[in-house]
C-alpha atoms as a PDB file:
ATOM      1  CA  UNK A   1       0.000   0.000   0.000  1.00  0.00           C
ATOM      2  CA  UNK A   2       1.173   3.508  -0.766  1.00  0.00           C
ATOM      3  CA  UNK A   3      -0.217   7.042  -0.991  1.00  0.00           C
ATOM      4  CA  UNK A   4      -0.859   8.571  -4.409  1.00  0.00           C
ATOM      5  CA  UNK A   5      -1.266  12.315  -4.849  1.00  0.00           C
ATOM      6  CA  UNK A   6      -3.521  12.849  -7.843  1.00  0.00           C
ATOM      7  CA  UNK A   7      -2.108  14.881 -10.697  1.00  0.00           C
ATOM      8  CA  UNK A   8      -3.779  17.050 -11.668  1.00  0.00           C
ATOM      9  CA  UNK A   9      -5.214  17.520  -8.171  1.00  0.00           C
ATOM     10  CA  UNK A  10      -8.752  16.245  -7.769  1.00  0.00           C
ATOM     11  CA  UNK A  11     -11.061  18.050  -5.325  1.00  0.00           C
ATOM     12  CA  UNK A  12     -12.832  14.865  -4.234  1.00  0.00           C
ATOM     13  CA  UNK A  13      -9.688  12.771  -3.776  1.00  0.00           C
ATOM     14  CA  UNK A  14      -6.540  14.945  -3.596  1.00  0.00           C
ATOM     15  CA  UNK A  15      -4.613  11.986  -2.212  1.00  0.00           C
ATOM     16  CA  UNK A  16      -5.525   8.356  -1.982  1.00  0.00           C
ATOM     17  CA  UNK A  17      -4.423   5.159  -0.393  1.00  0.00           C
ATOM     18  CA  UNK A  18      -3.497   2.997  -3.342  1.00  0.00           C
ATOM     19  CA  UNK A  19      -2.868  -0.729  -3.571  1.00  0.00           C
ATOM     20  CA  UNK A  20       0.573  -1.875  -4.682  1.00  0.00           C
ATOM     21  CA  UNK A  21      -0.802  -4.801  -6.684  1.00  0.00           C
ATOM     22  CA  UNK A  22      -4.171  -6.196  -7.766  1.00  0.00           C
ATOM     23  CA  UNK A  23      -6.603  -7.248  -5.048  1.00  0.00           C
ATOM     24  CA  UNK A  24      -9.370  -9.681  -5.902  1.00  0.00           C
ATOM     25  CA  UNK A  25      -9.865 -12.301  -8.564  1.00  0.00           C
ATOM     26  CA  UNK A  26      -6.461 -13.729  -9.608  1.00  0.00           C
ATOM     27  CA  UNK A  27      -4.703 -10.827  -7.855  1.00  0.00           C
ATOM     28  CA  UNK A  28      -1.498 -10.741  -5.839  1.00  0.00           C
ATOM     29  CA  UNK A  29      -3.690 -10.193  -2.735  1.00  0.00           C
ATOM     30  CA  UNK A  30      -1.025  -8.831  -0.398  1.00  0.00           C
ATOM     31  CA  UNK A  31      -2.374  -8.689   3.163  1.00  0.00           C
ATOM     32  CA  UNK A  32      -2.207  -4.915   3.665  1.00  0.00           C
ATOM     33  CA  UNK A  33      -3.706  -4.208   0.224  1.00  0.00           C
ATOM     34  CA  UNK A  34      -6.558  -6.642   0.900  1.00  0.00           C
ATOM     35  CA  UNK A  35      -7.115  -5.146   4.376  1.00  0.00           C
ATOM     36  CA  UNK A  36      -7.370  -1.658   2.817  1.00  0.00           C
ATOM     37  CA  UNK A  37      -9.924  -2.762   0.226  1.00  0.00           C
ATOM     38  CA  UNK A  38     -11.967  -4.752   2.752  1.00  0.00           C
ATOM     39  CA  UNK A  39     -12.026  -1.881   5.245  1.00  0.00           C
ATOM     40  CA  UNK A  40     -13.122   0.680   2.648  1.00  0.00           C
ATOM     41  CA  UNK A  41     -15.844  -1.581   1.231  1.00  0.00           C
ATOM     42  CA  UNK A  42     -17.216  -2.216   4.728  1.00  0.00           C
ATOM     43  CA  UNK A  43     -17.212   1.522   5.514  1.00  0.00           C
ATOM     44  CA  UNK A  44     -19.057   2.183   2.255  1.00  0.00           C
ATOM     45  CA  UNK A  45     -21.722  -0.346   3.254  1.00  0.00           C
ATOM     46  CA  UNK A  46     -22.070   1.209   6.702  1.00  0.00           C
ATOM     47  CA  UNK A  47     -21.987   4.869   5.760  1.00  0.00           C
ATOM     48  CA  UNK A  48     -22.727   5.674   2.118  1.00  0.00           C
ATOM     49  CA  UNK A  49     -26.411   6.577   1.664  1.00  0.00           C
ATOM     50  CA  UNK A  50     -26.526   5.371  -1.958  1.00  0.00           C
ATOM     51  CA  UNK A  51     -25.244   1.956  -0.892  1.00  0.00           C
ATOM     52  CA  UNK A  52     -27.906   1.740   1.790  1.00  0.00           C
ATOM     53  CA  UNK A  53     -30.582   2.327  -0.873  1.00  0.00           C
ATOM     54  CA  UNK A  54     -29.777  -1.001  -2.518  1.00  0.00           C
ATOM     55  CA  UNK A  55     -30.301  -3.686   0.124  1.00  0.00           C
ATOM     56  CA  UNK A  56     -28.701  -6.477  -1.938  1.00  0.00           C
ATOM     57  CA  UNK A  57     -25.520  -4.526  -2.654  1.00  0.00           C
ATOM     58  CA  UNK A  58     -25.305  -3.190   0.891  1.00  0.00           C
ATOM     59  CA  UNK A  59     -25.496  -6.728   2.257  1.00  0.00           C
ATOM     60  CA  UNK A  60     -22.708  -7.712  -0.151  1.00  0.00           C
ATOM     61  CA  UNK A  61     -20.567  -4.795   1.095  1.00  0.00           C
ATOM     62  CA  UNK A  62     -21.191  -5.720   4.715  1.00  0.00           C
ATOM     63  CA  UNK A  63     -20.409  -9.406   4.109  1.00  0.00           C
ATOM     64  CA  UNK A  64     -16.786  -8.512   3.346  1.00  0.00           C
ATOM     65  CA  UNK A  65     -14.637  -9.698   6.273  1.00  0.00           C
ATOM     66  CA  UNK A  66     -11.852  -7.610   7.822  1.00  0.00           C
ATOM     67  CA  UNK A  67      -9.253 -10.369   7.694  1.00  0.00           C
ATOM     68  CA  UNK A  68      -6.652  -9.217   5.173  1.00  0.00           C
ATOM     69  CA  UNK A  69      -7.315 -12.451   3.270  1.00  0.00           C
ATOM     70  CA  UNK A  70      -9.031 -12.250  -0.108  1.00  0.00           C
ATOM     71  CA  UNK A  71     -11.967 -14.668  -0.241  1.00  0.00           C
ATOM     72  CA  UNK A  72     -15.166 -15.096  -2.272  1.00  0.00           C
ATOM     73  CA  UNK A  73     -17.021 -12.497  -0.133  1.00  0.00           C
ATOM     74  CA  UNK A  74     -14.264  -9.934  -0.777  1.00  0.00           C
ATOM     75  CA  UNK A  75     -14.388 -10.525  -4.532  1.00  0.00           C
ATOM     76  CA  UNK A  76     -18.191 -10.271  -4.468  1.00  0.00           C
ATOM     77  CA  UNK A  77     -17.954  -7.025  -2.473  1.00  0.00           C
ATOM     78  CA  UNK A  78     -15.564  -5.608  -5.077  1.00  0.00           C
ATOM     79  CA  UNK A  79     -18.005  -6.569  -7.833  1.00  0.00           C
ATOM     80  CA  UNK A  80     -20.869  -4.906  -5.923  1.00  0.00           C
ATOM     81  CA  UNK A  81     -18.874  -1.654  -5.717  1.00  0.00           C
ATOM     82  CA  UNK A  82     -18.058  -1.867  -9.419  1.00  0.00           C
ATOM     83  CA  UNK A  83     -21.707  -2.544 -10.304  1.00  0.00           C
ATOM     84  CA  UNK A  84     -22.697   0.592  -8.367  1.00  0.00           C
ATOM     85  CA  UNK A  85     -20.011   2.589 -10.158  1.00  0.00           C
ATOM     86  CA  UNK A  86     -21.072   1.342 -13.583  1.00  0.00           C
ATOM     87  CA  UNK A  87     -24.561   2.777 -13.054  1.00  0.00           C
ATOM     88  CA  UNK A  88     -23.026   6.265 -12.849  1.00  0.00           C
ATOM     89  CA  UNK A  89     -19.992   5.695 -15.050  1.00  0.00           C
ATOM     90  CA  UNK A  90     -20.841   3.175 -17.813  1.00  0.00           C
ATOM     91  CA  UNK A  91     -17.193   2.705 -18.774  1.00  0.00           C
ATOM     92  CA  UNK A  92     -16.449   1.046 -15.441  1.00  0.00           C
ATOM     93  CA  UNK A  93     -15.226  -2.531 -15.717  1.00  0.00           C
ATOM     94  CA  UNK A  94     -16.846  -5.089 -13.394  1.00  0.00           C
ATOM     95  CA  UNK A  95     -14.190  -7.755 -12.917  1.00  0.00           C
ATOM     96  CA  UNK A  96     -13.909  -8.336  -9.168  1.00  0.00           C
ATOM     97  CA  UNK A  97     -10.429  -6.794  -9.130  1.00  0.00           C
ATOM     98  CA  UNK A  98      -9.065  -3.618  -7.543  1.00  0.00           C
ATOM     99  CA  UNK A  99      -6.071  -2.508  -9.584  1.00  0.00           C
ATOM    100  CA  UNK A 100      -3.528   0.138  -8.598  1.00  0.00           C
ATOM    101  CA  UNK A 101      -4.826   3.528  -9.729  1.00  0.00           C
ATOM    102  CA  UNK A 102      -2.780   5.628 -12.099  1.00  0.00           C
ATOM    103  CA  UNK A 103      -4.844   8.737 -11.459  1.00  0.00           C
ATOM    104  CA  UNK A 104      -8.551   9.173 -10.838  1.00  0.00           C
ATOM    105  CA  UNK A 105     -10.045   7.824 -14.076  1.00  0.00           C
ATOM    106  CA  UNK A 106      -9.185   5.356 -16.792  1.00  0.00           C
ATOM    107  CA  UNK A 107     -10.922   6.074 -20.079  1.00  0.00           C
ATOM    108  CA  UNK A 108     -14.576   6.654 -19.194  1.00  0.00           C
ATOM    109  CA  UNK A 109     -14.335   4.649 -15.938  1.00  0.00           C
ATOM    110  CA  UNK A 110     -13.093   5.421 -12.449  1.00  0.00           C
ATOM    111  CA  UNK A 111     -10.542   3.296 -10.615  1.00  0.00           C
ATOM    112  CA  UNK A 112     -12.272   1.243  -7.915  1.00  0.00           C
ATOM    113  CA  UNK A 113      -9.690   2.218  -5.297  1.00  0.00           C
ATOM    114  CA  UNK A 114     -10.233   5.904  -6.126  1.00  0.00           C
ATOM    115  CA  UNK A 115     -13.973   5.594  -5.568  1.00  0.00           C
ATOM    116  CA  UNK A 116     -13.459   3.750  -2.273  1.00  0.00           C
ATOM    117  CA  UNK A 117     -11.092   6.485  -1.075  1.00  0.00           C
ATOM    118  CA  UNK A 118     -13.642   9.128  -2.051  1.00  0.00           C
ATOM    119  CA  UNK A 119     -16.326   7.337  -0.030  1.00  0.00           C
ATOM    120  CA  UNK A 120     -14.103   7.203   3.046  1.00  0.00           C
ATOM    121  CA  UNK A 121     -12.981  10.809   2.713  1.00  0.00           C
ATOM    122  CA  UNK A 122     -16.551  12.055   2.405  1.00  0.00           C
ATOM    123  CA  UNK A 123     -18.423   9.767   4.794  1.00  0.00           C
ATOM    124  CA  UNK A 124     -15.756   9.038   7.432  1.00  0.00           C
ATOM    125  CA  UNK A 125     -14.293  12.495   8.164  1.00  0.00           C
ATOM    126  CA  UNK A 126     -13.648  11.661  11.818  1.00  0.00           C
ATOM    127  CA  UNK A 127     -10.774   9.377  10.838  1.00  0.00           C
ATOM    128  CA  UNK A 128      -9.844  10.376   7.282  1.00  0.00           C
ATOM    129  CA  UNK A 129      -6.954  10.070   6.375  1.00  0.00           C
ATOM    130  CA  UNK A 130      -5.899   8.564   9.719  1.00  0.00           C
ATOM    131  CA  UNK A 131      -7.636   5.248   9.044  1.00  0.00           C
ATOM    132  CA  UNK A 132      -5.898   3.747  12.067  1.00  0.00           C
ATOM    133  CA  UNK A 133      -8.054   6.002  14.293  1.00  0.00           C
ATOM    134  CA  UNK A 134     -11.124   3.939  13.399  1.00  0.00           C
ATOM    135  CA  UNK A 135     -11.799   1.445  16.187  1.00  0.00           C
ATOM    136  CA  UNK A 136     -12.399  -1.380  13.697  1.00  0.00           C
ATOM    137  CA  UNK A 137      -9.358  -0.742  11.499  1.00  0.00           C
ATOM    138  CA  UNK A 138      -7.678  -4.154  11.011  1.00  0.00           C
ATOM    139  CA  UNK A 139      -4.127  -4.613  12.337  1.00  0.00           C
ATOM    140  CA  UNK A 140      -2.349  -4.875   8.972  1.00  0.00           C
ATOM    141  CA  UNK A 141      -4.035  -1.657   7.842  1.00  0.00           C
ATOM    142  CA  UNK A 142      -3.152   0.156  11.080  1.00  0.00           C
ATOM    143  CA  UNK A 143       0.532  -0.614  10.512  1.00  0.00           C
ATOM    144  CA  UNK A 144       0.410   0.242   6.799  1.00  0.00           C
ATOM    145  CA  UNK A 145      -1.343   3.611   7.224  1.00  0.00           C
ATOM    146  CA  UNK A 146       1.043   4.654   9.989  1.00  0.00           C
ATOM    147  CA  UNK A 147       3.956   3.728   7.735  1.00  0.00           C
ATOM    148  CA  UNK A 148       2.767   5.703   4.687  1.00  0.00           C
ATOM    149  CA  UNK A 149       1.516   8.772   6.534  1.00  0.00           C
END
């Protein structure tokens, strides 16, 4: 996991926690990268009003464990996020993978990790960007965020 400062600067996500390698289906699934993705998906399910409007997708978000291990529920949670994104940004690819962002957008889609960071920044201001201040931040993510901040 590392921090990426968007260039050009983006108002919604001026900096983001980025994965070092792919998380999800056939990904490298490094523990701290997986913990980051799992934590952000769970926070989206708990806090984002649009997610709460779709009971099926919200339940898929909330089913993602905070283990740092990529499993079927994590991949399904990633797909649920991507399905939500595709409704607003039709160019979004739904593949059950969170790839390292190289900016905010790719073509007509938005990087999944960028969207997840935007959700946390907007809906979790009490601990953004200090993710380790959240009482349910998993251990590998606590260590990683302290290291990169």
